[in-house]
N, C-alpha and C. Protein backbone atom coordinates (compact mmCIF):
# COMPACT_ATOMS: atom_id res chain seq x y z
N UNK A 1 99.03 90.01 94.18
CA UNK A 1 100.20 90.33 94.97
C UNK A 1 101.25 89.23 94.82
N UNK A 2 100.82 87.99 94.82
CA UNK A 2 101.77 86.88 94.71
C UNK A 2 102.48 86.90 93.37
N UNK A 3 101.79 87.28 92.31
CA UNK A 3 102.42 87.36 90.99
C UNK A 3 103.48 88.47 90.98
N UNK A 4 103.19 89.58 91.61
CA UNK A 4 104.17 90.68 91.68
C UNK A 4 105.38 90.26 92.50
N UNK A 5 105.14 89.56 93.60
CA UNK A 5 106.23 89.13 94.48
C UNK A 5 107.05 87.98 93.89
N UNK A 6 106.48 87.26 92.92
CA UNK A 6 107.14 86.09 92.34
C UNK A 6 107.09 86.16 90.82
N UNK A 7 107.81 87.12 90.23
CA UNK A 7 107.77 87.26 88.77
C UNK A 7 108.25 85.98 88.09
N UNK A 8 107.60 85.68 86.99
CA UNK A 8 107.95 84.50 86.18
C UNK A 8 107.56 83.18 86.86
N UNK A 9 106.70 83.23 87.87
CA UNK A 9 106.26 81.99 88.50
C UNK A 9 105.35 81.23 87.55
N UNK A 10 105.40 79.92 87.62
CA UNK A 10 104.49 79.10 86.83
C UNK A 10 103.15 79.02 87.57
N UNK A 11 102.13 78.55 86.86
CA UNK A 11 100.84 78.40 87.51
C UNK A 11 100.94 77.39 88.65
N UNK A 12 101.71 76.33 88.46
CA UNK A 12 101.88 75.33 89.53
C UNK A 12 102.53 75.97 90.76
N UNK A 13 103.52 76.83 90.55
CA UNK A 13 104.16 77.51 91.68
C UNK A 13 103.18 78.45 92.37
N UNK A 14 102.35 79.13 91.59
CA UNK A 14 101.36 80.03 92.19
C UNK A 14 100.33 79.26 93.02
N UNK A 15 99.97 78.06 92.57
CA UNK A 15 99.08 77.21 93.35
C UNK A 15 99.71 76.91 94.70
N UNK A 16 100.98 76.53 94.71
CA UNK A 16 101.68 76.22 95.96
C UNK A 16 101.80 77.45 96.86
N UNK A 17 102.10 78.59 96.27
CA UNK A 17 102.31 79.80 97.05
C UNK A 17 101.03 80.36 97.66
N UNK A 18 99.91 80.20 96.95
CA UNK A 18 98.66 80.81 97.40
C UNK A 18 97.72 79.86 98.10
N UNK A 19 97.84 78.57 97.82
CA UNK A 19 96.88 77.62 98.37
C UNK A 19 95.57 77.58 97.60
N UNK A 20 95.50 78.31 96.49
CA UNK A 20 94.30 78.32 95.65
C UNK A 20 94.36 77.10 94.74
N UNK A 21 93.23 76.39 94.60
CA UNK A 21 93.26 75.19 93.76
C UNK A 21 93.51 75.55 92.30
N UNK A 22 94.03 74.59 91.56
CA UNK A 22 94.50 74.81 90.18
C UNK A 22 93.41 75.37 89.27
N UNK A 23 92.22 74.80 89.32
CA UNK A 23 91.14 75.27 88.43
C UNK A 23 90.74 76.71 88.73
N UNK A 24 90.60 77.02 90.00
CA UNK A 24 90.23 78.38 90.38
C UNK A 24 91.32 79.36 89.98
N UNK A 25 92.57 79.00 90.21
CA UNK A 25 93.68 79.89 89.86
C UNK A 25 93.74 80.10 88.35
N UNK A 26 93.52 79.05 87.57
CA UNK A 26 93.52 79.18 86.11
C UNK A 26 92.45 80.16 85.66
N UNK A 27 91.27 80.08 86.25
CA UNK A 27 90.19 81.02 85.92
C UNK A 27 90.55 82.44 86.32
N UNK A 28 91.15 82.59 87.50
CA UNK A 28 91.56 83.92 87.96
C UNK A 28 92.58 84.53 87.01
N UNK A 29 93.56 83.73 86.62
CA UNK A 29 94.60 84.23 85.71
C UNK A 29 93.99 84.62 84.37
N UNK A 30 93.05 83.85 83.88
CA UNK A 30 92.39 84.19 82.62
C UNK A 30 91.67 85.53 82.72
N UNK A 31 90.95 85.74 83.82
CA UNK A 31 90.24 87.01 84.00
C UNK A 31 91.22 88.18 84.14
N UNK A 32 92.30 87.97 84.91
CA UNK A 32 93.30 89.04 85.08
C UNK A 32 94.01 89.34 83.76
N UNK A 33 94.21 88.31 82.94
CA UNK A 33 94.83 88.50 81.62
C UNK A 33 93.92 89.33 80.73
N UNK A 34 92.63 89.01 80.73
CA UNK A 34 91.67 89.77 79.92
C UNK A 34 91.62 91.24 80.34
N UNK A 35 91.81 91.49 81.62
CA UNK A 35 91.80 92.87 82.14
C UNK A 35 93.14 93.58 81.93
N UNK A 36 94.14 92.85 81.43
CA UNK A 36 95.45 93.45 81.18
C UNK A 36 96.29 93.62 82.43
N UNK A 37 96.00 92.85 83.48
CA UNK A 37 96.73 93.00 84.75
C UNK A 37 97.87 92.01 84.90
N UNK A 38 97.76 90.87 84.22
CA UNK A 38 98.85 89.89 84.18
C UNK A 38 98.99 89.40 82.75
N UNK A 39 100.15 88.80 82.48
CA UNK A 39 100.36 88.21 81.17
C UNK A 39 100.94 86.82 81.33
N UNK A 40 100.58 85.97 80.40
CA UNK A 40 101.03 84.58 80.39
C UNK A 40 101.99 84.45 79.21
N UNK A 41 103.17 83.89 79.44
CA UNK A 41 104.14 83.72 78.37
C UNK A 41 105.02 82.50 78.67
N UNK A 42 105.74 82.06 77.67
CA UNK A 42 106.59 80.88 77.84
C UNK A 42 107.67 81.15 78.88
N UNK A 43 107.84 80.20 79.78
CA UNK A 43 108.82 80.34 80.85
C UNK A 43 110.24 80.33 80.29
N UNK A 44 111.07 81.19 80.84
CA UNK A 44 112.50 81.20 80.47
C UNK A 44 113.23 80.01 81.09
N UNK A 45 112.68 79.50 82.21
CA UNK A 45 113.31 78.38 82.92
C UNK A 45 112.92 77.03 82.34
N UNK A 46 111.69 76.94 81.82
CA UNK A 46 111.19 75.66 81.32
C UNK A 46 110.23 75.95 80.17
N UNK A 47 110.66 75.67 78.96
CA UNK A 47 109.88 75.99 77.77
C UNK A 47 108.55 75.24 77.71
N UNK A 48 108.38 74.23 78.55
CA UNK A 48 107.14 73.46 78.56
C UNK A 48 106.04 74.11 79.39
N UNK A 49 106.38 75.13 80.16
CA UNK A 49 105.40 75.75 81.04
C UNK A 49 105.22 77.23 80.73
N UNK A 50 104.09 77.75 81.21
CA UNK A 50 103.83 79.18 81.10
C UNK A 50 104.28 79.88 82.37
N UNK A 51 104.81 81.05 82.21
CA UNK A 51 105.14 81.91 83.34
C UNK A 51 104.09 83.01 83.40
N UNK A 52 103.79 83.45 84.59
CA UNK A 52 102.81 84.51 84.80
C UNK A 52 103.55 85.72 85.36
N UNK A 53 103.31 86.87 84.75
CA UNK A 53 103.94 88.10 85.21
C UNK A 53 102.90 89.20 85.29
N UNK A 54 103.08 90.10 86.22
CA UNK A 54 102.21 91.26 86.33
C UNK A 54 102.59 92.27 85.25
N UNK A 55 101.59 92.91 84.70
CA UNK A 55 101.84 94.00 83.76
C UNK A 55 102.04 95.29 84.56
N UNK A 56 102.45 96.33 83.90
CA UNK A 56 102.59 97.63 84.56
C UNK A 56 101.24 98.06 85.14
N UNK A 57 100.17 97.84 84.38
CA UNK A 57 98.83 98.18 84.87
C UNK A 57 98.49 97.38 86.13
N UNK A 58 98.89 96.12 86.18
CA UNK A 58 98.65 95.28 87.35
C UNK A 58 99.40 95.78 88.57
N UNK A 59 100.65 96.17 88.37
CA UNK A 59 101.46 96.70 89.48
C UNK A 59 100.86 98.00 90.00
N UNK A 60 100.45 98.88 89.08
CA UNK A 60 99.86 100.16 89.49
C UNK A 60 98.56 99.95 90.27
N UNK A 61 97.72 99.02 89.81
CA UNK A 61 96.48 98.73 90.53
C UNK A 61 96.78 98.20 91.93
N UNK A 62 97.74 97.31 92.03
CA UNK A 62 98.12 96.77 93.34
C UNK A 62 98.59 97.89 94.27
N UNK A 63 99.38 98.80 93.75
CA UNK A 63 99.86 99.93 94.57
C UNK A 63 98.70 100.80 95.05
N UNK A 64 97.65 100.91 94.24
CA UNK A 64 96.48 101.71 94.62
C UNK A 64 95.65 101.03 95.71
N UNK A 65 95.50 99.71 95.64
CA UNK A 65 94.60 99.03 96.56
C UNK A 65 95.28 98.58 97.86
N UNK A 66 96.59 98.43 97.88
CA UNK A 66 97.27 97.93 99.08
C UNK A 66 96.97 98.75 100.34
N UNK A 67 96.97 100.08 100.29
CA UNK A 67 96.64 100.83 101.51
C UNK A 67 95.24 100.48 102.03
N UNK A 68 94.29 100.28 101.12
CA UNK A 68 92.93 99.93 101.53
C UNK A 68 92.89 98.52 102.12
N UNK A 69 93.64 97.60 101.53
CA UNK A 69 93.71 96.23 102.04
C UNK A 69 94.29 96.23 103.45
N UNK A 70 95.35 96.99 103.65
CA UNK A 70 95.96 97.07 104.99
C UNK A 70 94.99 97.65 106.01
N UNK A 71 94.22 98.66 105.60
CA UNK A 71 93.25 99.28 106.49
C UNK A 71 92.18 98.26 106.91
N UNK A 72 91.67 97.50 105.96
CA UNK A 72 90.67 96.48 106.28
C UNK A 72 91.27 95.42 107.20
N UNK A 73 92.50 95.00 106.91
CA UNK A 73 93.17 94.03 107.78
C UNK A 73 93.30 94.55 109.20
N UNK A 74 93.67 95.81 109.33
CA UNK A 74 93.78 96.42 110.66
C UNK A 74 92.43 96.45 111.37
N UNK A 75 91.36 96.73 110.62
CA UNK A 75 90.02 96.78 111.21
C UNK A 75 89.58 95.38 111.67
N UNK A 76 89.94 94.36 110.90
CA UNK A 76 89.58 92.99 111.27
C UNK A 76 90.30 92.59 112.56
N UNK A 77 91.56 92.96 112.67
CA UNK A 77 92.36 92.58 113.84
C UNK A 77 92.12 93.46 115.06
N UNK A 78 91.51 94.61 114.89
CA UNK A 78 91.35 95.58 115.97
C UNK A 78 90.72 95.00 117.24
N UNK A 79 89.70 94.13 117.15
CA UNK A 79 89.12 93.61 118.39
C UNK A 79 90.05 92.68 119.18
N UNK A 80 91.07 92.16 118.55
CA UNK A 80 91.99 91.24 119.23
C UNK A 80 93.06 92.02 119.98
N UNK A 81 93.45 91.53 121.14
CA UNK A 81 94.59 92.16 121.83
C UNK A 81 95.83 92.04 120.95
N UNK A 82 96.68 93.05 120.94
CA UNK A 82 97.86 93.03 120.06
C UNK A 82 98.72 91.78 120.18
N UNK A 83 98.83 91.23 121.37
CA UNK A 83 99.68 90.04 121.54
C UNK A 83 99.08 88.79 120.90
N UNK A 84 97.78 88.78 120.61
CA UNK A 84 97.15 87.61 119.99
C UNK A 84 97.07 87.71 118.46
N UNK A 85 97.33 88.86 117.91
CA UNK A 85 97.22 89.04 116.45
C UNK A 85 98.16 88.12 115.67
N UNK A 86 99.43 87.97 116.06
CA UNK A 86 100.29 87.02 115.33
C UNK A 86 99.80 85.58 115.42
N UNK A 87 99.23 85.22 116.55
CA UNK A 87 98.70 83.87 116.72
C UNK A 87 97.50 83.67 115.79
N UNK A 88 96.64 84.66 115.71
CA UNK A 88 95.48 84.60 114.83
C UNK A 88 95.91 84.44 113.37
N UNK A 89 96.88 85.25 112.93
CA UNK A 89 97.39 85.15 111.55
C UNK A 89 97.97 83.75 111.30
N UNK A 90 98.71 83.26 112.26
CA UNK A 90 99.32 81.92 112.17
C UNK A 90 98.21 80.87 111.98
N UNK A 91 97.18 80.95 112.79
CA UNK A 91 96.08 79.99 112.70
C UNK A 91 95.34 80.09 111.37
N UNK A 92 95.14 81.28 110.87
CA UNK A 92 94.49 81.45 109.57
C UNK A 92 95.29 80.77 108.46
N UNK A 93 96.60 80.92 108.48
CA UNK A 93 97.44 80.26 107.47
C UNK A 93 97.30 78.75 107.57
N UNK A 94 97.25 78.21 108.78
CA UNK A 94 97.08 76.77 108.95
C UNK A 94 95.72 76.32 108.43
N UNK A 95 94.68 77.09 108.71
CA UNK A 95 93.33 76.73 108.27
C UNK A 95 93.25 76.65 106.76
N UNK A 96 93.90 77.57 106.06
CA UNK A 96 93.79 77.55 104.59
C UNK A 96 94.87 76.70 103.92
N UNK A 97 95.71 76.06 104.74
CA UNK A 97 96.67 75.11 104.19
C UNK A 97 97.99 75.70 103.75
N UNK A 98 98.30 76.89 104.22
CA UNK A 98 99.59 77.50 103.89
C UNK A 98 100.55 77.29 105.05
N UNK A 99 101.83 77.16 104.74
CA UNK A 99 102.79 77.02 105.85
C UNK A 99 102.88 78.33 106.62
N UNK A 100 103.16 78.25 107.91
CA UNK A 100 103.30 79.47 108.69
C UNK A 100 104.51 80.27 108.20
N UNK A 101 104.37 81.59 108.19
CA UNK A 101 105.51 82.43 107.79
C UNK A 101 106.58 82.41 108.87
N UNK A 102 106.14 82.41 110.10
CA UNK A 102 107.02 82.35 111.25
C UNK A 102 106.19 81.92 112.43
N UNK A 103 106.86 81.51 113.45
CA UNK A 103 106.14 81.09 114.64
C UNK A 103 105.55 82.30 115.36
N UNK A 104 104.32 82.18 115.84
CA UNK A 104 103.75 83.30 116.60
C UNK A 104 104.45 83.46 117.93
N UNK A 105 104.36 84.66 118.48
CA UNK A 105 104.97 84.94 119.79
C UNK A 105 104.21 84.27 120.88
């Protein structure tokens, strides 16, 4: 999803955006490349780095799985009162080392 949302991002940028460590992300990108879901190519912004982009097959797969991902997310949050769900999401981002998207209510 992050690759689709950030076309032409470098691996270093994807590390910052996802919070996934560099080695793990490199392995993930290699596997996704082998499956034809992302492609690695020379960056237009910096010829010294690789840019990562989703392929059409990657975008289509994401479109297929997103409704299921949302359903699972809703099921996970269902036991929480609605007013606490933003706080829970906020805390999860802090736990994994990502900046909060916005302040919880």
